[in-house]
Amino acid sequence: MTLYELTHAAGDTLLVRALRAVGRSAAAVARFAAAELDRRRTARLLGFEDHELRDIGLTRGDVYAALLTGAGEKASQSLVDRRDERRLAELARLREERRRTEA
Protein backbone atom coordinates (compact mmCIF):
# COMPACT_ATOMS: atom_id res chain seq x y z
CA MET A 1 0.00 0.00 0.00
CA THR A 2 1.35 3.40 -0.90
CA LEU A 3 1.67 6.36 1.44
CA TYR A 4 -1.11 8.10 -0.46
CA GLU A 5 -3.42 5.11 0.04
CA LEU A 6 -2.62 5.02 3.76
CA THR A 7 -3.35 8.71 4.25
CA HIS A 8 -6.44 8.78 2.03
CA ALA A 9 -8.06 5.44 2.98
CA ALA A 10 -11.82 5.36 2.40
CA GLY A 11 -11.82 8.98 1.24
CA ASP A 12 -10.57 10.30 4.59
CA THR A 13 -7.28 12.05 4.85
CA LEU A 14 -4.99 11.37 7.78
CA LEU A 15 -5.83 14.83 9.07
CA VAL A 16 -9.57 14.11 9.00
CA ARG A 17 -9.09 10.85 10.91
CA ALA A 18 -6.85 12.58 13.45
CA LEU A 19 -9.41 15.35 13.96
CA ARG A 20 -12.16 12.79 14.50
CA ALA A 21 -10.03 11.03 17.12
CA VAL A 22 -9.34 14.34 18.87
CA GLY A 23 -13.06 15.14 18.78
CA ARG A 24 -13.96 11.79 20.36
CA SER A 25 -11.33 12.30 23.06
CA ALA A 26 -12.56 15.82 23.80
CA ALA A 27 -16.13 14.56 24.09
CA ALA A 28 -15.06 11.87 26.56
CA VAL A 29 -13.19 14.42 28.68
CA ALA A 30 -16.23 16.72 28.62
CA ARG A 31 -18.52 13.87 29.77
CA PHE A 32 -16.13 13.01 32.60
CA ALA A 33 -15.87 16.68 33.67
CA ALA A 34 -19.66 17.06 33.65
CA ALA A 35 -20.04 13.92 35.78
CA GLU A 36 -17.44 15.21 38.27
CA LEU A 37 -19.24 18.57 38.55
CA ASP A 38 -22.51 16.69 39.07
CA ARG A 39 -20.85 14.60 41.81
CA ARG A 40 -19.70 17.77 43.62
CA ARG A 41 -23.16 19.28 43.43
CA THR A 42 -24.67 16.05 44.72
CA ALA A 43 -22.21 16.06 47.63
CA ARG A 44 -23.67 19.40 48.74
CA LEU A 45 -26.82 17.51 49.71
CA LEU A 46 -24.88 16.08 52.65
CA GLY A 47 -25.20 19.53 54.20
CA PHE A 48 -28.99 19.15 54.32
CA GLU A 49 -30.79 18.03 57.46
CA ASP A 50 -32.41 14.59 57.36
CA HIS A 51 -35.92 16.06 57.33
CA GLU A 52 -34.96 18.27 54.35
CA LEU A 53 -33.71 15.23 52.45
CA ARG A 54 -36.95 13.38 53.29
CA ASP A 55 -38.91 16.34 51.90
CA ILE A 56 -37.32 15.73 48.50
CA GLY A 57 -37.74 11.95 48.73
CA LEU A 58 -34.15 11.05 49.66
CA THR A 59 -32.18 9.68 52.57
CA ARG A 60 -28.63 10.43 53.62
CA GLY A 61 -27.78 6.87 52.58
CA ASP A 62 -29.09 7.62 49.08
CA VAL A 63 -26.68 10.53 48.79
CA TYR A 64 -23.71 8.48 50.02
CA ALA A 65 -24.59 5.65 47.63
CA ALA A 66 -24.94 8.08 44.72
CA LEU A 67 -21.47 9.42 45.43
CA LEU A 68 -20.11 5.89 45.02
CA THR A 69 -21.21 5.66 41.39
CA GLY A 70 -18.46 4.99 38.89
CA ALA A 71 -16.27 7.63 37.32
CA GLY A 72 -18.03 9.28 34.42
CA GLU A 73 -21.50 8.40 35.77
CA LYS A 74 -23.80 11.14 37.04
CA ALA A 75 -24.47 10.84 40.76
CA SER A 76 -27.68 12.85 40.47
CA GLN A 77 -29.14 10.27 38.09
CA SER A 78 -28.54 7.63 40.75
CA LEU A 79 -30.49 9.79 43.22
CA VAL A 80 -33.38 10.19 40.80
CA ASP A 81 -33.45 6.43 40.20
CA ARG A 82 -33.47 5.68 43.95
CA ARG A 83 -36.21 8.23 44.63
CA ASP A 84 -38.36 6.91 41.80
CA GLU A 85 -37.81 3.31 42.92
CA ARG A 86 -38.92 4.22 46.45
CA ARG A 87 -42.02 6.03 45.15
CA LEU A 88 -43.02 3.09 42.97
CA ALA A 89 -42.58 0.68 45.88
CA GLU A 90 -44.76 2.89 48.08
CA LEU A 91 -47.46 3.09 45.39
CA ALA A 92 -47.41 -0.70 45.00
CA ARG A 93 -47.69 -1.10 48.79
CA LEU A 94 -50.68 1.27 48.92
CA ARG A 95 -52.41 -0.50 46.04
CA GLU A 96 -51.91 -3.85 47.73
CA GLU A 97 -53.22 -2.48 51.01
CA ARG A 98 -56.31 -1.04 49.28
CA ARG A 99 -56.89 -4.32 47.45
CA ARG A 100 -56.80 -6.24 50.73
CA THR A 101 -59.23 -3.89 52.48
CA GLU A 102 -61.69 -4.04 49.56
CA ALA A 103 -61.66 -7.83 49.42
C-alpha atoms as a PDB file:
ATOM      1  CA  MET A   1       0.000   0.000   0.000  1.00  0.00           C
ATOM      2  CA  THR A   2       1.349   3.395  -0.902  1.00  0.00           C
ATOM      3  CA  LEU A   3       1.675   6.357   1.436  1.00  0.00           C
ATOM      4  CA  TYR A   4      -1.114   8.102  -0.458  1.00  0.00           C
ATOM      5  CA  GLU A   5      -3.415   5.107   0.041  1.00  0.00           C
ATOM      6  CA  LEU A   6      -2.621   5.019   3.764  1.00  0.00           C
ATOM      7  CA  THR A   7      -3.345   8.709   4.251  1.00  0.00           C
ATOM      8  CA  HIS A   8      -6.439   8.779   2.030  1.00  0.00           C
ATOM      9  CA  ALA A   9      -8.057   5.444   2.982  1.00  0.00           C
ATOM     10  CA  ALA A  10     -11.816   5.363   2.397  1.00  0.00           C
ATOM     11  CA  GLY A  11     -11.822   8.983   1.240  1.00  0.00           C
ATOM     12  CA  ASP A  12     -10.566  10.301   4.594  1.00  0.00           C
ATOM     13  CA  THR A  13      -7.279  12.047   4.852  1.00  0.00           C
ATOM     14  CA  LEU A  14      -4.988  11.367   7.775  1.00  0.00           C
ATOM     15  CA  LEU A  15      -5.829  14.834   9.070  1.00  0.00           C
ATOM     16  CA  VAL A  16      -9.575  14.111   9.003  1.00  0.00           C
ATOM     17  CA  ARG A  17      -9.091  10.852  10.905  1.00  0.00           C
ATOM     18  CA  ALA A  18      -6.846  12.582  13.452  1.00  0.00           C
ATOM     19  CA  LEU A  19      -9.414  15.354  13.960  1.00  0.00           C
ATOM     20  CA  ARG A  20     -12.162  12.791  14.500  1.00  0.00           C
ATOM     21  CA  ALA A  21     -10.033  11.029  17.118  1.00  0.00           C
ATOM     22  CA  VAL A  22      -9.342  14.336  18.871  1.00  0.00           C
ATOM     23  CA  GLY A  23     -13.064  15.144  18.782  1.00  0.00           C
ATOM     24  CA  ARG A  24     -13.961  11.789  20.362  1.00  0.00           C
ATOM     25  CA  SER A  25     -11.332  12.296  23.062  1.00  0.00           C
ATOM     26  CA  ALA A  26     -12.559  15.821  23.805  1.00  0.00           C
ATOM     27  CA  ALA A  27     -16.134  14.564  24.091  1.00  0.00           C
ATOM     28  CA  ALA A  28     -15.055  11.866  26.555  1.00  0.00           C
ATOM     29  CA  VAL A  29     -13.185  14.420  28.684  1.00  0.00           C
ATOM     30  CA  ALA A  30     -16.230  16.717  28.620  1.00  0.00           C
ATOM     31  CA  ARG A  31     -18.520  13.872  29.768  1.00  0.00           C
ATOM     32  CA  PHE A  32     -16.131  13.013  32.596  1.00  0.00           C
ATOM     33  CA  ALA A  33     -15.870  16.676  33.674  1.00  0.00           C
ATOM     34  CA  ALA A  34     -19.660  17.055  33.649  1.00  0.00           C
ATOM     35  CA  ALA A  35     -20.038  13.921  35.784  1.00  0.00           C
ATOM     36  CA  GLU A  36     -17.442  15.213  38.272  1.00  0.00           C
ATOM     37  CA  LEU A  37     -19.236  18.567  38.550  1.00  0.00           C
ATOM     38  CA  ASP A  38     -22.506  16.691  39.071  1.00  0.00           C
ATOM     39  CA  ARG A  39     -20.854  14.605  41.811  1.00  0.00           C
ATOM     40  CA  ARG A  40     -19.697  17.770  43.619  1.00  0.00           C
ATOM     41  CA  ARG A  41     -23.163  19.284  43.425  1.00  0.00           C
ATOM     42  CA  THR A  42     -24.668  16.049  44.723  1.00  0.00           C
ATOM     43  CA  ALA A  43     -22.213  16.056  47.632  1.00  0.00           C
ATOM     44  CA  ARG A  44     -23.668  19.398  48.741  1.00  0.00           C
ATOM     45  CA  LEU A  45     -26.825  17.512  49.707  1.00  0.00           C
ATOM     46  CA  LEU A  46     -24.882  16.078  52.648  1.00  0.00           C
ATOM     47  CA  GLY A  47     -25.201  19.534  54.204  1.00  0.00           C
ATOM     48  CA  PHE A  48     -28.991  19.150  54.320  1.00  0.00           C
ATOM     49  CA  GLU A  49     -30.790  18.025  57.464  1.00  0.00           C
ATOM     50  CA  ASP A  50     -32.410  14.586  57.364  1.00  0.00           C
ATOM     51  CA  HIS A  51     -35.916  16.065  57.326  1.00  0.00           C
ATOM     52  CA  GLU A  52     -34.961  18.266  54.348  1.00  0.00           C
ATOM     53  CA  LEU A  53     -33.712  15.226  52.446  1.00  0.00           C
ATOM     54  CA  ARG A  54     -36.950  13.381  53.294  1.00  0.00           C
ATOM     55  CA  ASP A  55     -38.915  16.343  51.900  1.00  0.00           C
ATOM     56  CA  ILE A  56     -37.324  15.729  48.498  1.00  0.00           C
ATOM     57  CA  GLY A  57     -37.736  11.955  48.734  1.00  0.00           C
ATOM     58  CA  LEU A  58     -34.152  11.046  49.665  1.00  0.00           C
ATOM     59  CA  THR A  59     -32.184   9.683  52.574  1.00  0.00           C
ATOM     60  CA  ARG A  60     -28.632  10.429  53.622  1.00  0.00           C
ATOM     61  CA  GLY A  61     -27.782   6.874  52.575  1.00  0.00           C
ATOM     62  CA  ASP A  62     -29.090   7.623  49.077  1.00  0.00           C
ATOM     63  CA  VAL A  63     -26.680  10.532  48.789  1.00  0.00           C
ATOM     64  CA  TYR A  64     -23.710   8.483  50.023  1.00  0.00           C
ATOM     65  CA  ALA A  65     -24.589   5.651  47.634  1.00  0.00           C
ATOM     66  CA  ALA A  66     -24.943   8.079  44.721  1.00  0.00           C
ATOM     67  CA  LEU A  67     -21.471   9.422  45.428  1.00  0.00           C
ATOM     68  CA  LEU A  68     -20.107   5.890  45.022  1.00  0.00           C
ATOM     69  CA  THR A  69     -21.206   5.656  41.387  1.00  0.00           C
ATOM     70  CA  GLY A  70     -18.462   4.985  38.888  1.00  0.00           C
ATOM     71  CA  ALA A  71     -16.270   7.634  37.319  1.00  0.00           C
ATOM     72  CA  GLY A  72     -18.034   9.278  34.421  1.00  0.00           C
ATOM     73  CA  GLU A  73     -21.495   8.397  35.766  1.00  0.00           C
ATOM     74  CA  LYS A  74     -23.797  11.136  37.041  1.00  0.00           C
ATOM     75  CA  ALA A  75     -24.468  10.836  40.762  1.00  0.00           C
ATOM     76  CA  SER A  76     -27.677  12.852  40.467  1.00  0.00           C
ATOM     77  CA  GLN A  77     -29.141  10.266  38.095  1.00  0.00           C
ATOM     78  CA  SER A  78     -28.543   7.630  40.748  1.00  0.00           C
ATOM     79  CA  LEU A  79     -30.487   9.793  43.220  1.00  0.00           C
ATOM     80  CA  VAL A  80     -33.381  10.192  40.797  1.00  0.00           C
ATOM     81  CA  ASP A  81     -33.448   6.432  40.204  1.00  0.00           C
ATOM     82  CA  ARG A  82     -33.471   5.676  43.946  1.00  0.00           C
ATOM     83  CA  ARG A  83     -36.212   8.232  44.627  1.00  0.00           C
ATOM     84  CA  ASP A  84     -38.359   6.907  41.799  1.00  0.00           C
ATOM     85  CA  GLU A  85     -37.810   3.315  42.924  1.00  0.00           C
ATOM     86  CA  ARG A  86     -38.916   4.219  46.453  1.00  0.00           C
ATOM     87  CA  ARG A  87     -42.017   6.033  45.151  1.00  0.00           C
ATOM     88  CA  LEU A  88     -43.019   3.092  42.969  1.00  0.00           C
ATOM     89  CA  ALA A  89     -42.579   0.682  45.882  1.00  0.00           C
ATOM     90  CA  GLU A  90     -44.760   2.892  48.082  1.00  0.00           C
ATOM     91  CA  LEU A  91     -47.464   3.090  45.393  1.00  0.00           C
ATOM     92  CA  ALA A  92     -47.408  -0.699  45.002  1.00  0.00           C
ATOM     93  CA  ARG A  93     -47.692  -1.099  48.786  1.00  0.00           C
ATOM     94  CA  LEU A  94     -50.679   1.272  48.922  1.00  0.00           C
ATOM     95  CA  ARG A  95     -52.414  -0.497  46.036  1.00  0.00           C
ATOM     96  CA  GLU A  96     -51.915  -3.853  47.725  1.00  0.00           C
ATOM     97  CA  GLU A  97     -53.224  -2.482  51.011  1.00  0.00           C
ATOM     98  CA  ARG A  98     -56.308  -1.041  49.285  1.00  0.00           C
ATOM     99  CA  ARG A  99     -56.895  -4.317  47.453  1.00  0.00           C
ATOM    100  CA  ARG A 100     -56.799  -6.241  50.730  1.00  0.00           C
ATOM    101  CA  THR A 101     -59.233  -3.894  52.481  1.00  0.00           C
ATOM    102  CA  GLU A 102     -61.689  -4.042  49.557  1.00  0.00           C
ATOM    103  CA  ALA A 103     -61.663  -7.834  49.418  1.00  0.00           C
END
